[in-house]
Amino acid sequence: MKSLYHAFEAYERRVNRGEFYNPPKKALKPSTPREPMLVQFGDLLIQTGMRLKMRHAASKPMTWSPLIGSKP
């Protein structure tokens, strides 16, 4: 029982010193809109898909490129 009492006293001392005080966090600023970047990325994906479709329709062998990452 003495150990529990000493532990409680140590806890009270830490509370009195303010060790367990958590100040309220500041509100975060809303981030910048990402829509323009998403539109550009979507256009890039569409263009890449169209290029792949044209290559497939022309029956050209596909080669590796960093953009599409495919091999024949």
PDB file of N, CA and C in Angstrom:
ATOM      1  N   MET A   1       0.821  -1.200   0.000  1.00  0.00           N
ATOM      2  CA  MET A   1       0.000   0.000   0.000  1.00  0.00           C
ATOM      3  C   MET A   1       0.858   1.254   0.000  1.00  0.00           C
ATOM      4  N   LYS A   2       2.031   1.165   0.685  1.00  0.00           N
ATOM      5  CA  LYS A   2       2.885   2.342   0.738  1.00  0.00           C
ATOM      6  C   LYS A   2       3.358   2.741  -0.650  1.00  0.00           C
ATOM      7  N   SER A   3       3.654   1.746  -1.492  1.00  0.00           N
ATOM      8  CA  SER A   3       4.136   2.070  -2.834  1.00  0.00           C
ATOM      9  C   SER A   3       3.047   2.779  -3.642  1.00  0.00           C
ATOM     10  N   LEU A   4       1.801   2.358  -3.495  1.00  0.00           N
ATOM     11  CA  LEU A   4       0.711   3.047  -4.198  1.00  0.00           C
ATOM     12  C   LEU A   4       0.558   4.472  -3.696  1.00  0.00           C
ATOM     13  N   TYR A   5       0.703   4.656  -2.398  1.00  0.00           N
ATOM     14  CA  TYR A   5       0.586   5.994  -1.815  1.00  0.00           C
ATOM     15  C   TYR A   5       1.721   6.888  -2.311  1.00  0.00           C
ATOM     16  N   HIS A   6       2.937   6.361  -2.357  1.00  0.00           N
ATOM     17  CA  HIS A   6       4.070   7.147  -2.845  1.00  0.00           C
ATOM     18  C   HIS A   6       3.917   7.467  -4.336  1.00  0.00           C
ATOM     19  N   ALA A   7       3.396   6.519  -5.079  1.00  0.00           N
ATOM     20  CA  ALA A   7       3.164   6.761  -6.499  1.00  0.00           C
ATOM     21  C   ALA A   7       2.123   7.852  -6.688  1.00  0.00           C
ATOM     22  N   PHE A   8       1.067   7.834  -5.877  1.00  0.00           N
ATOM     23  CA  PHE A   8       0.046   8.872  -5.979  1.00  0.00           C
ATOM     24  C   PHE A   8       0.617  10.230  -5.591  1.00  0.00           C
ATOM     25  N   GLU A   9       1.462  10.280  -4.551  1.00  0.00           N
ATOM     26  CA  GLU A   9       2.079  11.553  -4.161  1.00  0.00           C
ATOM     27  C   GLU A   9       2.985  12.082  -5.268  1.00  0.00           C
ATOM     28  N   ALA A  10       3.742  11.195  -5.896  1.00  0.00           N
ATOM     29  CA  ALA A  10       4.612  11.618  -7.002  1.00  0.00           C
ATOM     30  C   ALA A  10       3.764  12.161  -8.153  1.00  0.00           C
ATOM     31  N   TYR A  11       2.645  11.505  -8.418  1.00  0.00           N
ATOM     32  CA  TYR A  11       1.742  11.979  -9.469  1.00  0.00           C
ATOM     33  C   TYR A  11       1.198  13.364  -9.135  1.00  0.00           C
ATOM     34  N   GLU A  12       0.784  13.576  -7.887  1.00  0.00           N
ATOM     35  CA  GLU A  12       0.267  14.895  -7.483  1.00  0.00           C
ATOM     36  C   GLU A  12       1.334  15.974  -7.634  1.00  0.00           C
ATOM     37  N   ARG A  13       2.590  15.657  -7.252  1.00  0.00           N
ATOM     38  CA  ARG A  13       3.661  16.640  -7.408  1.00  0.00           C
ATOM     39  C   ARG A  13       3.859  17.003  -8.873  1.00  0.00           C
ATOM     40  N   ARG A  14       3.797  16.017  -9.764  1.00  0.00           N
ATOM     41  CA  ARG A  14       3.971  16.291 -11.203  1.00  0.00           C
ATOM     42  C   ARG A  14       2.817  17.111 -11.753  1.00  0.00           C
ATOM     43  N   VAL A  15       1.616  16.861 -11.250  1.00  0.00           N
ATOM     44  CA  VAL A  15       0.458  17.652 -11.685  1.00  0.00           C
ATOM     45  C   VAL A  15       0.618  19.090 -11.225  1.00  0.00           C
ATOM     46  N   ASN A  16       1.068  19.282  -9.984  1.00  0.00           N
ATOM     47  CA  ASN A  16       1.257  20.635  -9.465  1.00  0.00           C
ATOM     48  C   ASN A  16       2.339  21.388 -10.227  1.00  0.00           C
ATOM     49  N   ARG A  17       3.321  20.685 -10.734  1.00  0.00           N
ATOM     50  CA  ARG A  17       4.369  21.336 -11.538  1.00  0.00           C
ATOM     51  C   ARG A  17       3.897  21.614 -12.956  1.00  0.00           C
ATOM     52  N   GLY A  18       2.791  21.054 -13.354  1.00  0.00           N
ATOM     53  CA  GLY A  18       2.246  21.295 -14.694  1.00  0.00           C
ATOM     54  C   GLY A  18       2.796  20.374 -15.761  1.00  0.00           C
ATOM     55  N   GLU A  19       3.304  19.230 -15.380  1.00  0.00           N
ATOM     56  CA  GLU A  19       3.873  18.318 -16.377  1.00  0.00           C
ATOM     57  C   GLU A  19       2.812  17.656 -17.253  1.00  0.00           C
ATOM     58  N   PHE A  20       1.600  17.590 -16.790  1.00  0.00           N
ATOM     59  CA  PHE A  20       0.544  16.931 -17.562  1.00  0.00           C
ATOM     60  C   PHE A  20      -0.380  17.930 -18.252  1.00  0.00           C
ATOM     61  N   TYR A  21       0.000  19.207 -18.270  1.00  0.00           N
ATOM     62  CA  TYR A  21      -0.843  20.215 -18.904  1.00  0.00           C
ATOM     63  C   TYR A  21      -0.613  20.172 -20.403  1.00  0.00           C
ATOM     64  N   ASN A  22      -1.675  19.992 -21.156  1.00  0.00           N
ATOM     65  CA  ASN A  22      -1.614  19.996 -22.617  1.00  0.00           C
ATOM     66  C   ASN A  22      -2.342  21.222 -23.127  1.00  0.00           C
ATOM     67  N   PRO A  23      -1.600  22.229 -23.589  1.00  0.00           N
ATOM     68  CA  PRO A  23      -2.282  23.430 -24.086  1.00  0.00           C
ATOM     69  C   PRO A  23      -3.095  23.106 -25.336  1.00  0.00           C
ATOM     70  N   PRO A  24      -4.155  23.856 -25.569  1.00  0.00           N
ATOM     71  CA  PRO A  24      -4.959  23.592 -26.771  1.00  0.00           C
ATOM     72  C   PRO A  24      -4.142  23.859 -28.028  1.00  0.00           C
ATOM     73  N   LYS A  25      -4.346  23.037 -29.019  1.00  0.00           N
ATOM     74  CA  LYS A  25      -3.596  23.177 -30.268  1.00  0.00           C
ATOM     75  C   LYS A  25      -4.224  24.260 -31.134  1.00  0.00           C
ATOM     76  N   LYS A  26      -3.369  24.937 -31.875  1.00  0.00           N
ATOM     77  CA  LYS A  26      -3.854  25.974 -32.780  1.00  0.00           C
ATOM     78  C   LYS A  26      -4.532  25.325 -33.986  1.00  0.00           C
ATOM     79  N   ALA A  27      -5.501  26.025 -34.517  1.00  0.00           N
ATOM     80  CA  ALA A  27      -6.193  25.524 -35.702  1.00  0.00           C
ATOM     81  C   ALA A  27      -5.244  25.599 -36.893  1.00  0.00           C
ATOM     82  N   LEU A  28      -5.278  24.567 -37.717  1.00  0.00           N
ATOM     83  CA  LEU A  28      -4.422  24.536 -38.890  1.00  0.00           C
ATOM     84  C   LEU A  28      -5.021  25.372 -40.009  1.00  0.00           C
ATOM     85  N   LYS A  29      -4.139  26.031 -40.746  1.00  0.00           N
ATOM     86  CA  LYS A  29      -4.612  26.787 -41.899  1.00  0.00           C
ATOM     87  C   LYS A  29      -5.015  25.813 -42.998  1.00  0.00           C
ATOM     88  N   PRO A  30      -6.078  26.107 -43.695  1.00  0.00           N
ATOM     89  CA  PRO A  30      -6.444  25.213 -44.795  1.00  0.00           C
ATOM     90  C   PRO A  30      -5.360  25.235 -45.869  1.00  0.00           C
ATOM     91  N   SER A  31      -5.069  24.098 -46.449  1.00  0.00           N
ATOM     92  CA  SER A  31      -4.028  24.011 -47.459  1.00  0.00           C
ATOM     93  C   SER A  31      -4.501  24.652 -48.760  1.00  0.00           C
ATOM     94  N   THR A  32      -3.537  24.922 -49.614  1.00  0.00           N
ATOM     95  CA  THR A  32      -3.861  25.533 -50.899  1.00  0.00           C
ATOM     96  C   THR A  32      -4.647  24.531 -51.736  1.00  0.00           C
ATOM     97  N   PRO A  33      -5.536  25.013 -52.569  1.00  0.00           N
ATOM     98  CA  PRO A  33      -6.332  24.084 -53.390  1.00  0.00           C
ATOM     99  C   PRO A  33      -5.431  23.317 -54.352  1.00  0.00           C
ATOM    100  N   ARG A  34      -5.678  22.026 -54.451  1.00  0.00           N
ATOM    101  CA  ARG A  34      -4.855  21.170 -55.300  1.00  0.00           C
ATOM    102  C   ARG A  34      -5.532  20.871 -56.629  1.00  0.00           C
ATOM    103  N   GLU A  35      -6.656  21.465 -56.880  1.00  0.00           N
ATOM    104  CA  GLU A  35      -7.396  21.137 -58.095  1.00  0.00           C
ATOM    105  C   GLU A  35      -6.598  21.392 -59.366  1.00  0.00           C
ATOM    106  N   PRO A  36      -5.911  22.547 -59.505  1.00  0.00           N
ATOM    107  CA  PRO A  36      -5.158  22.750 -60.758  1.00  0.00           C
ATOM    108  C   PRO A  36      -4.110  21.661 -60.987  1.00  0.00           C
ATOM    109  N   MET A  37      -3.431  21.239 -59.922  1.00  0.00           N
ATOM    110  CA  MET A  37      -2.421  20.199 -60.072  1.00  0.00           C
ATOM    111  C   MET A  37      -3.074  18.869 -60.445  1.00  0.00           C
ATOM    112  N   LEU A  38      -4.232  18.570 -59.852  1.00  0.00           N
ATOM    113  CA  LEU A  38      -4.915  17.328 -60.179  1.00  0.00           C
ATOM    114  C   LEU A  38      -5.404  17.322 -61.619  1.00  0.00           C
ATOM    115  N   VAL A  39      -5.822  18.481 -62.114  1.00  0.00           N
ATOM    116  CA  VAL A  39      -6.272  18.576 -63.504  1.00  0.00           C
ATOM    117  C   VAL A  39      -5.111  18.311 -64.438  1.00  0.00           C
ATOM    118  N   GLN A  40      -3.948  18.894 -64.145  1.00  0.00           N
ATOM    119  CA  GLN A  40      -2.770  18.669 -64.986  1.00  0.00           C
ATOM    120  C   GLN A  40      -2.363  17.200 -64.959  1.00  0.00           C
ATOM    121  N   PHE A  41      -2.415  16.585 -63.781  1.00  0.00           N
ATOM    122  CA  PHE A  41      -2.064  15.169 -63.676  1.00  0.00           C
ATOM    123  C   PHE A  41      -3.059  14.312 -64.444  1.00  0.00           C
ATOM    124  N   GLY A  42      -4.339  14.650 -64.370  1.00  0.00           N
ATOM    125  CA  GLY A  42      -5.354  13.915 -65.127  1.00  0.00           C
ATOM    126  C   GLY A  42      -5.133  14.032 -66.622  1.00  0.00           C
ATOM    127  N   ASP A  43      -4.785  15.245 -67.097  1.00  0.00           N
ATOM    128  CA  ASP A  43      -4.491  15.424 -68.514  1.00  0.00           C
ATOM    129  C   ASP A  43      -3.300  14.582 -68.945  1.00  0.00           C
ATOM    130  N   LEU A  44      -2.277  14.526 -68.086  1.00  0.00           N
ATOM    131  CA  LEU A  44      -1.101  13.714 -68.399  1.00  0.00           C
ATOM    132  C   LEU A  44      -1.475  12.238 -68.517  1.00  0.00           C
ATOM    133  N   LEU A  45      -2.325  11.749 -67.594  1.00  0.00           N
ATOM    134  CA  LEU A  45      -2.752  10.353 -67.673  1.00  0.00           C
ATOM    135  C   LEU A  45      -3.560  10.083 -68.938  1.00  0.00           C
ATOM    136  N   ILE A  46      -4.411  11.013 -69.313  1.00  0.00           N
ATOM    137  CA  ILE A  46      -5.216  10.839 -70.528  1.00  0.00           C
ATOM    138  C   ILE A  46      -4.314  10.802 -71.749  1.00  0.00           C
ATOM    139  N   GLN A  47      -3.349  11.729 -71.821  1.00  0.00           N
ATOM    140  CA  GLN A  47      -2.438  11.765 -72.969  1.00  0.00           C
ATOM    141  C   GLN A  47      -1.625  10.476 -73.056  1.00  0.00           C
ATOM    142  N   THR A  48      -1.168   9.991 -71.929  1.00  0.00           N
ATOM    143  CA  THR A  48      -0.398   8.745 -71.911  1.00  0.00           C
ATOM    144  C   THR A  48      -1.255   7.576 -72.383  1.00  0.00           C
ATOM    145  N   GLY A  49      -2.497   7.536 -71.917  1.00  0.00           N
ATOM    146  CA  GLY A  49      -3.396   6.474 -72.353  1.00  0.00           C
ATOM    147  C   GLY A  49      -3.678   6.537 -73.841  1.00  0.00           C
ATOM    148  N   MET A  50      -3.830   7.727 -74.367  1.00  0.00           N
ATOM    149  CA  MET A  50      -4.084   7.870 -75.808  1.00  0.00           C
ATOM    150  C   MET A  50      -2.868   7.418 -76.617  1.00  0.00           C
ATOM    151  N   ARG A  51      -1.666   7.757 -76.132  1.00  0.00           N
ATOM    152  CA  ARG A  51      -0.454   7.321 -76.833  1.00  0.00           C
ATOM    153  C   ARG A  51      -0.359   5.797 -76.842  1.00  0.00           C
ATOM    154  N   LEU A  52      -0.661   5.184 -75.688  1.00  0.00           N
ATOM    155  CA  LEU A  52      -0.615   3.719 -75.635  1.00  0.00           C
ATOM    156  C   LEU A  52      -1.647   3.095 -76.560  1.00  0.00           C
ATOM    157  N   LYS A  53      -2.812   3.704 -76.623  1.00  0.00           N
ATOM    158  CA  LYS A  53      -3.869   3.180 -77.494  1.00  0.00           C
ATOM    159  C   LYS A  53      -3.460   3.285 -78.956  1.00  0.00           C
ATOM    160  N   MET A  54      -2.845   4.415 -79.319  1.00  0.00           N
ATOM    161  CA  MET A  54      -2.422   4.588 -80.717  1.00  0.00           C
ATOM    162  C   MET A  54      -1.307   3.595 -81.058  1.00  0.00           C
ATOM    163  N   ARG A  55      -0.372   3.367 -80.134  1.00  0.00           N
ATOM    164  CA  ARG A  55       0.696   2.406 -80.392  1.00  0.00           C
ATOM    165  C   ARG A  55       0.129   1.012 -80.562  1.00  0.00           C
ATOM    166  N   HIS A  56      -0.831   0.667 -79.734  1.00  0.00           N
ATOM    167  CA  HIS A  56      -1.435  -0.656 -79.827  1.00  0.00           C
ATOM    168  C   HIS A  56      -2.208  -0.805 -81.133  1.00  0.00           C
ATOM    169  N   ALA A  57      -2.914   0.251 -81.539  1.00  0.00           N
ATOM    170  CA  ALA A  57      -3.695   0.187 -82.782  1.00  0.00           C
ATOM    171  C   ALA A  57      -2.777   0.102 -83.993  1.00  0.00           C
ATOM    172  N   ALA A  58      -1.617   0.734 -83.923  1.00  0.00           N
ATOM    173  CA  ALA A  58      -0.684   0.695 -85.047  1.00  0.00           C
ATOM    174  C   ALA A  58       0.163  -0.569 -85.010  1.00  0.00           C
ATOM    175  N   SER A  59      -0.029  -1.395 -84.008  1.00  0.00           N
ATOM    176  CA  SER A  59       0.686  -2.659 -83.782  1.00  0.00           C
ATOM    177  C   SER A  59       2.189  -2.458 -83.713  1.00  0.00           C
ATOM    178  N   LYS A  60       2.611  -1.319 -83.178  1.00  0.00           N
ATOM    179  CA  LYS A  60       4.031  -1.094 -82.956  1.00  0.00           C
ATOM    180  C   LYS A  60       4.405  -1.772 -81.640  1.00  0.00           C
ATOM    181  N   PRO A  61       5.588  -2.342 -81.574  1.00  0.00           N
ATOM    182  CA  PRO A  61       5.981  -2.930 -80.296  1.00  0.00           C
ATOM    183  C   PRO A  61       6.202  -1.838 -79.250  1.00  0.00           C
ATOM    184  N   MET A  62       5.727  -2.110 -78.090  1.00  0.00           N
ATOM    185  CA  MET A  62       5.896  -1.124 -77.027  1.00  0.00           C
ATOM    186  C   MET A  62       7.297  -1.237 -76.446  1.00  0.00           C
ATOM    187  N   THR A  63       7.927  -0.137 -76.244  1.00  0.00           N
ATOM    188  CA  THR A  63       9.253  -0.113 -75.643  1.00  0.00           C
ATOM    189  C   THR A  63       9.146   0.451 -74.240  1.00  0.00           C
ATOM    190  N   TRP A  64      10.193   0.219 -73.468  1.00  0.00           N
ATOM    191  CA  TRP A  64      10.187   0.710 -72.090  1.00  0.00           C
ATOM    192  C   TRP A  64      10.418   2.200 -72.075  1.00  0.00           C
ATOM    193  N   SER A  65       9.674   2.887 -71.229  1.00  0.00           N
ATOM    194  CA  SER A  65       9.916   4.302 -70.992  1.00  0.00           C
ATOM    195  C   SER A  65       9.631   4.587 -69.525  1.00  0.00           C
ATOM    196  N   PRO A  66      10.303   5.601 -68.963  1.00  0.00           N
ATOM    197  CA  PRO A  66      10.064   5.898 -67.561  1.00  0.00           C
ATOM    198  C   PRO A  66       8.631   6.329 -67.286  1.00  0.00           C
ATOM    199  N   LEU A  67       7.965   6.879 -68.282  1.00  0.00           N
ATOM    200  CA  LEU A  67       6.616   7.365 -68.085  1.00  0.00           C
ATOM    201  C   LEU A  67       5.621   6.227 -67.914  1.00  0.00           C
ATOM    202  N   ILE A  68       5.712   5.218 -68.780  1.00  0.00           N
ATOM    203  CA  ILE A  68       4.731   4.134 -68.720  1.00  0.00           C
ATOM    204  C   ILE A  68       5.285   2.889 -68.042  1.00  0.00           C
ATOM    205  N   GLY A  69       6.612   2.733 -68.029  1.00  0.00           N
ATOM    206  CA  GLY A  69       7.229   1.625 -67.312  1.00  0.00           C
ATOM    207  C   GLY A  69       6.903   0.260 -67.841  1.00  0.00           C
ATOM    208  N   SER A  70       6.592   0.136 -69.143  1.00  0.00           N
ATOM    209  CA  SER A  70       6.245  -1.184 -69.682  1.00  0.00           C
ATOM    210  C   SER A  70       7.360  -1.666 -70.593  1.00  0.00           C
ATOM    211  N   LYS A  71       7.445  -2.984 -70.745  1.00  0.00           N
ATOM    212  CA  LYS A  71       8.433  -3.584 -71.631  1.00  0.00           C
ATOM    213  C   LYS A  71       7.708  -4.457 -72.659  1.00  0.00           C
ATOM    214  N   PRO A  72       8.341  -4.726 -73.796  1.00  0.00           N
ATOM    215  CA  PRO A  72       7.675  -5.566 -74.810  1.00  0.00           C
ATOM    216  C   PRO A  72       7.479  -6.992 -74.346  1.00  0.00           C
TER     217      PRO A  72
END
